[in-house]
Amino acid sequence: MGLKERINEKLKDALKSGDTAVINTLRFLNSVIKNKELEKRTKLSKEGRPTEELEKLSELSDDEITSAILGEIKKRKESISQYETGGRKDLAEKEAAELTILKKYVPEEMPEEELRSVIKKKILEMGEVTMKDFGKTMGSVMSEVKGRAGGDAVKRIIEEELKL
């Protein structure tokens, strides 16, 4: 069962149980996925693809859906901090509840120690790495951790390792 199907199954379960927070979050997530599929379809149609192919090709892979969910998680985290600084605890709690629901559909976040060891290994593999090679290092690490670690954490640890 793909990620999209899993989300739809959980939505059906939430509709049966009447869990409005889950219902609203998963409906929103479905609309995000649908919008990403439409973007992809538009891009493919500009390439002159036949209409029959567009439907299949515009479906998002699990990796693309995970990427979209991670984007929504990042937005929720930013909103929570904004609401907390603005003194809107009620809205911060609502965003935190949505964040908890969204996190169920992405791989578990990698612990910092494990991430640090992956980064050290990549730096050793690449040989002598300087701050000029930051982009290459970042790309290499991000392709390996694929959604299990945030870009901010990876960037921070790479900077720490390269300054040593």
C-alpha atoms as a PDB file:
ATOM      1  CA  MET A   1       0.000   0.000   0.000  1.00  0.00           C
ATOM      2  CA  GLY A   2       1.418   3.331  -1.052  1.00  0.00           C
ATOM      3  CA  LEU A   3       1.580   6.411   1.107  1.00  0.00           C
ATOM      4  CA  LYS A   4      -1.332   8.093  -0.667  1.00  0.00           C
ATOM      5  CA  GLU A   5      -3.539   5.041  -0.098  1.00  0.00           C
ATOM      6  CA  ARG A   6      -2.470   4.885   3.556  1.00  0.00           C
ATOM      7  CA  ILE A   7      -3.458   8.535   4.021  1.00  0.00           C
ATOM      8  CA  ASN A   8      -6.853   7.909   2.416  1.00  0.00           C
ATOM      9  CA  GLU A   9      -7.441   4.839   4.627  1.00  0.00           C
ATOM     10  CA  LYS A  10      -6.653   6.866   7.750  1.00  0.00           C
ATOM     11  CA  LEU A  11      -8.999   9.586   6.504  1.00  0.00           C
ATOM     12  CA  LYS A  12     -11.813   7.030   6.156  1.00  0.00           C
ATOM     13  CA  ASP A  13     -11.110   5.749   9.676  1.00  0.00           C
ATOM     14  CA  ALA A  14     -11.143   9.308  11.031  1.00  0.00           C
ATOM     15  CA  LEU A  15     -14.444  10.022   9.266  1.00  0.00           C
ATOM     16  CA  LYS A  16     -15.960   6.938  10.891  1.00  0.00           C
ATOM     17  CA  SER A  17     -14.657   7.869  14.342  1.00  0.00           C
ATOM     18  CA  GLY A  18     -15.443  11.589  13.973  1.00  0.00           C
ATOM     19  CA  ASP A  19     -11.926  12.816  14.806  1.00  0.00           C
ATOM     20  CA  THR A  20     -12.158  16.334  13.365  1.00  0.00           C
ATOM     21  CA  ALA A  21      -8.478  17.229  13.853  1.00  0.00           C
ATOM     22  CA  VAL A  22      -7.349  14.199  11.840  1.00  0.00           C
ATOM     23  CA  ILE A  23     -10.094  14.717   9.248  1.00  0.00           C
ATOM     24  CA  ASN A  24      -9.160  18.362   8.650  1.00  0.00           C
ATOM     25  CA  THR A  25      -5.424  17.678   8.555  1.00  0.00           C
ATOM     26  CA  LEU A  26      -5.686  14.725   6.162  1.00  0.00           C
ATOM     27  CA  ARG A  27      -8.129  16.553   3.893  1.00  0.00           C
ATOM     28  CA  PHE A  28      -5.692  19.446   3.745  1.00  0.00           C
ATOM     29  CA  LEU A  29      -2.852  17.008   3.052  1.00  0.00           C
ATOM     30  CA  ASN A  30      -4.853  15.436   0.220  1.00  0.00           C
ATOM     31  CA  SER A  31      -5.360  18.883  -1.303  1.00  0.00           C
ATOM     32  CA  VAL A  32      -1.610  19.555  -1.068  1.00  0.00           C
ATOM     33  CA  ILE A  33      -0.924  16.243  -2.842  1.00  0.00           C
ATOM     34  CA  LYS A  34      -3.545  17.023  -5.501  1.00  0.00           C
ATOM     35  CA  ASN A  35      -2.012  20.468  -6.113  1.00  0.00           C
ATOM     36  CA  LYS A  36       1.467  18.930  -6.471  1.00  0.00           C
ATOM     37  CA  GLU A  37       0.052  16.420  -8.970  1.00  0.00           C
ATOM     38  CA  LEU A  38      -1.553  19.249 -10.947  1.00  0.00           C
ATOM     39  CA  GLU A  39       1.753  21.149 -10.978  1.00  0.00           C
ATOM     40  CA  LYS A  40       3.523  18.042 -12.237  1.00  0.00           C
ATOM     41  CA  ARG A  41       0.837  17.422 -14.877  1.00  0.00           C
ATOM     42  CA  THR A  42       1.060  21.025 -16.108  1.00  0.00           C
ATOM     43  CA  LYS A  43       4.823  20.764 -16.380  1.00  0.00           C
ATOM     44  CA  LEU A  44       4.569  17.470 -18.282  1.00  0.00           C
ATOM     45  CA  SER A  45       1.885  18.809 -20.630  1.00  0.00           C
ATOM     46  CA  LYS A  46       4.172  21.703 -21.574  1.00  0.00           C
ATOM     47  CA  GLU A  47       6.712  19.101 -22.684  1.00  0.00           C
ATOM     48  CA  GLY A  48       4.188  17.890 -25.254  1.00  0.00           C
ATOM     49  CA  ARG A  49       3.351  14.565 -23.627  1.00  0.00           C
ATOM     50  CA  PRO A  50       0.273  12.700 -24.916  1.00  0.00           C
ATOM     51  CA  THR A  51      -2.851  13.085 -22.785  1.00  0.00           C
ATOM     52  CA  GLU A  52      -3.032   9.339 -22.064  1.00  0.00           C
ATOM     53  CA  GLU A  53       0.408   9.413 -20.460  1.00  0.00           C
ATOM     54  CA  LEU A  54      -0.233  12.508 -18.367  1.00  0.00           C
ATOM     55  CA  GLU A  55      -2.531  10.796 -15.863  1.00  0.00           C
ATOM     56  CA  LYS A  56      -0.005   8.091 -14.984  1.00  0.00           C
ATOM     57  CA  LEU A  57       3.053  10.315 -15.111  1.00  0.00           C
ATOM     58  CA  SER A  58       1.523  13.059 -12.982  1.00  0.00           C
ATOM     59  CA  GLU A  59       0.910  10.748 -10.005  1.00  0.00           C
ATOM     60  CA  LEU A  60       3.315  11.483  -7.182  1.00  0.00           C
ATOM     61  CA  SER A  61       5.699   8.835  -5.930  1.00  0.00           C
ATOM     62  CA  ASP A  62       5.935   8.096  -2.212  1.00  0.00           C
ATOM     63  CA  ASP A  63       9.176  10.107  -2.104  1.00  0.00           C
ATOM     64  CA  GLU A  64       7.459  13.121  -3.662  1.00  0.00           C
ATOM     65  CA  ILE A  65       4.544  12.823  -1.230  1.00  0.00           C
ATOM     66  CA  THR A  66       6.990  12.544   1.679  1.00  0.00           C
ATOM     67  CA  SER A  67       8.732  15.664   0.430  1.00  0.00           C
ATOM     68  CA  ALA A  68       5.401  17.521   0.317  1.00  0.00           C
ATOM     69  CA  ILE A  69       4.561  16.373   3.852  1.00  0.00           C
ATOM     70  CA  LEU A  70       7.985  17.480   5.089  1.00  0.00           C
ATOM     71  CA  GLY A  71       7.301  20.903   3.578  1.00  0.00           C
ATOM     72  CA  GLU A  72       4.025  21.085   5.498  1.00  0.00           C
ATOM     73  CA  ILE A  73       5.778  19.973   8.693  1.00  0.00           C
ATOM     74  CA  LYS A  74       8.298  22.771   8.263  1.00  0.00           C
ATOM     75  CA  LYS A  75       5.470  25.283   7.796  1.00  0.00           C
ATOM     76  CA  ARG A  76       3.763  24.020  10.959  1.00  0.00           C
ATOM     77  CA  LYS A  77       6.969  24.375  12.994  1.00  0.00           C
ATOM     78  CA  GLU A  78       7.424  27.948  11.762  1.00  0.00           C
ATOM     79  CA  SER A  79       3.782  28.754  12.524  1.00  0.00           C
ATOM     80  CA  ILE A  80       4.075  27.357  16.039  1.00  0.00           C
ATOM     81  CA  SER A  81       7.044  29.585  16.834  1.00  0.00           C
ATOM     82  CA  GLN A  82       5.281  32.613  15.313  1.00  0.00           C
ATOM     83  CA  TYR A  83       2.104  31.965  17.278  1.00  0.00           C
ATOM     84  CA  GLU A  84       4.029  31.451  20.516  1.00  0.00           C
ATOM     85  CA  THR A  85       5.933  34.719  20.106  1.00  0.00           C
ATOM     86  CA  GLY A  86       2.640  36.419  19.291  1.00  0.00           C
ATOM     87  CA  GLY A  87       1.006  35.037  22.413  1.00  0.00           C
ATOM     88  CA  ARG A  88      -1.514  32.879  20.531  1.00  0.00           C
ATOM     89  CA  LYS A  89      -1.229  29.627  22.467  1.00  0.00           C
ATOM     90  CA  ASP A  90      -4.557  28.357  21.096  1.00  0.00           C
ATOM     91  CA  LEU A  91      -3.357  28.532  17.493  1.00  0.00           C
ATOM     92  CA  ALA A  92       0.055  27.141  18.449  1.00  0.00           C
ATOM     93  CA  GLU A  93      -1.661  24.126  20.030  1.00  0.00           C
ATOM     94  CA  LYS A  94      -3.782  23.594  16.903  1.00  0.00           C
ATOM     95  CA  GLU A  95      -0.659  23.677  14.722  1.00  0.00           C
ATOM     96  CA  ALA A  96       1.134  21.309  17.129  1.00  0.00           C
ATOM     97  CA  ALA A  97      -1.766  18.839  16.869  1.00  0.00           C
ATOM     98  CA  GLU A  98      -1.580  18.981  13.058  1.00  0.00           C
ATOM     99  CA  LEU A  99       2.191  18.565  13.249  1.00  0.00           C
ATOM    100  CA  THR A 100       1.784  15.392  15.320  1.00  0.00           C
ATOM    101  CA  ILE A 101      -0.652  13.978  12.760  1.00  0.00           C
ATOM    102  CA  LEU A 102       1.599  14.824   9.798  1.00  0.00           C
ATOM    103  CA  LYS A 103       4.670  13.273  11.431  1.00  0.00           C
ATOM    104  CA  LYS A 104       2.949   9.872  11.311  1.00  0.00           C
ATOM    105  CA  TYR A 105       3.340   9.836   7.519  1.00  0.00           C
ATOM    106  CA  VAL A 106       7.066  10.513   7.214  1.00  0.00           C
ATOM    107  CA  PRO A 107      10.033   8.370   8.236  1.00  0.00           C
ATOM    108  CA  GLU A 108      11.110   8.735  11.846  1.00  0.00           C
ATOM    109  CA  GLU A 109      13.629  11.513  12.335  1.00  0.00           C
ATOM    110  CA  MET A 110      17.224  10.374  12.612  1.00  0.00           C
ATOM    111  CA  PRO A 111      18.860  10.918  16.017  1.00  0.00           C
ATOM    112  CA  GLU A 112      21.580  13.578  15.997  1.00  0.00           C
ATOM    113  CA  GLU A 113      24.353  11.101  16.895  1.00  0.00           C
ATOM    114  CA  GLU A 114      23.449   8.881  13.943  1.00  0.00           C
ATOM    115  CA  LEU A 115      23.222  11.900  11.634  1.00  0.00           C
ATOM    116  CA  ARG A 116      26.599  13.132  12.838  1.00  0.00           C
ATOM    117  CA  SER A 117      28.171   9.722  12.091  1.00  0.00           C
ATOM    118  CA  VAL A 118      26.653   9.703   8.572  1.00  0.00           C
ATOM    119  CA  ILE A 119      28.062  13.185   7.954  1.00  0.00           C
ATOM    120  CA  LYS A 120      31.513  12.231   9.272  1.00  0.00           C
ATOM    121  CA  LYS A 121      31.499   9.149   7.045  1.00  0.00           C
ATOM    122  CA  LYS A 122      30.571  11.241   3.982  1.00  0.00           C
ATOM    123  CA  ILE A 123      33.296  13.783   4.749  1.00  0.00           C
ATOM    124  CA  LEU A 124      35.858  10.975   5.057  1.00  0.00           C
ATOM    125  CA  GLU A 125      34.671   9.436   1.766  1.00  0.00           C
ATOM    126  CA  MET A 126      35.015  12.768  -0.019  1.00  0.00           C
ATOM    127  CA  GLY A 127      38.593  13.217   1.156  1.00  0.00           C
ATOM    128  CA  GLU A 128      39.854  16.660   2.091  1.00  0.00           C
ATOM    129  CA  VAL A 129      36.726  18.777   2.399  1.00  0.00           C
ATOM    130  CA  THR A 130      36.704  22.530   2.948  1.00  0.00           C
ATOM    131  CA  MET A 131      33.903  25.059   3.255  1.00  0.00           C
ATOM    132  CA  LYS A 132      34.123  25.442  -0.544  1.00  0.00           C
ATOM    133  CA  ASP A 133      32.849  21.866  -0.833  1.00  0.00           C
ATOM    134  CA  PHE A 134      29.911  22.588   1.474  1.00  0.00           C
ATOM    135  CA  GLY A 135      27.293  22.280  -1.290  1.00  0.00           C
ATOM    136  CA  LYS A 136      28.626  18.938  -2.511  1.00  0.00           C
ATOM    137  CA  THR A 137      28.780  17.615   1.037  1.00  0.00           C
ATOM    138  CA  MET A 138      25.281  18.845   1.824  1.00  0.00           C
ATOM    139  CA  GLY A 139      23.848  17.273  -1.343  1.00  0.00           C
ATOM    140  CA  SER A 140      25.593  13.988  -0.686  1.00  0.00           C
ATOM    141  CA  VAL A 141      24.348  13.782   2.900  1.00  0.00           C
ATOM    142  CA  MET A 142      20.790  14.862   2.043  1.00  0.00           C
ATOM    143  CA  SER A 143      20.522  12.184  -0.647  1.00  0.00           C
ATOM    144  CA  GLU A 144      21.514   9.555   1.909  1.00  0.00           C
ATOM    145  CA  VAL A 145      19.241  10.640   4.762  1.00  0.00           C
ATOM    146  CA  LYS A 146      16.215  11.329   2.468  1.00  0.00           C
ATOM    147  CA  GLY A 147      13.683  13.001   4.710  1.00  0.00           C
ATOM    148  CA  ARG A 148      14.918  11.443   7.950  1.00  0.00           C
ATOM    149  CA  ALA A 149      16.791  14.619   8.883  1.00  0.00           C
ATOM    150  CA  GLY A 150      16.043  18.282   8.333  1.00  0.00           C
ATOM    151  CA  GLY A 151      18.233  20.452   6.162  1.00  0.00           C
ATOM    152  CA  ASP A 152      18.862  22.848   9.053  1.00  0.00           C
ATOM    153  CA  ALA A 153      20.286  20.096  11.260  1.00  0.00           C
ATOM    154  CA  VAL A 154      22.437  18.724   8.430  1.00  0.00           C
ATOM    155  CA  LYS A 155      23.763  22.202   7.629  1.00  0.00           C
ATOM    156  CA  ARG A 156      24.580  22.931  11.272  1.00  0.00           C
ATOM    157  CA  ILE A 157      26.447  19.644  11.785  1.00  0.00           C
ATOM    158  CA  ILE A 158      28.390  19.943   8.512  1.00  0.00           C
ATOM    159  CA  GLU A 159      29.467  23.459   9.499  1.00  0.00           C
ATOM    160  CA  GLU A 160      30.573  22.184  12.917  1.00  0.00           C
ATOM    161  CA  GLU A 161      32.529  19.303  11.382  1.00  0.00           C
ATOM    162  CA  LEU A 162      34.233  21.458   8.743  1.00  0.00           C
ATOM    163  CA  LYS A 163      35.345  24.044  11.310  1.00  0.00           C
ATOM    164  CA  LEU A 164      37.145  21.418  13.413  1.00  0.00           C
END
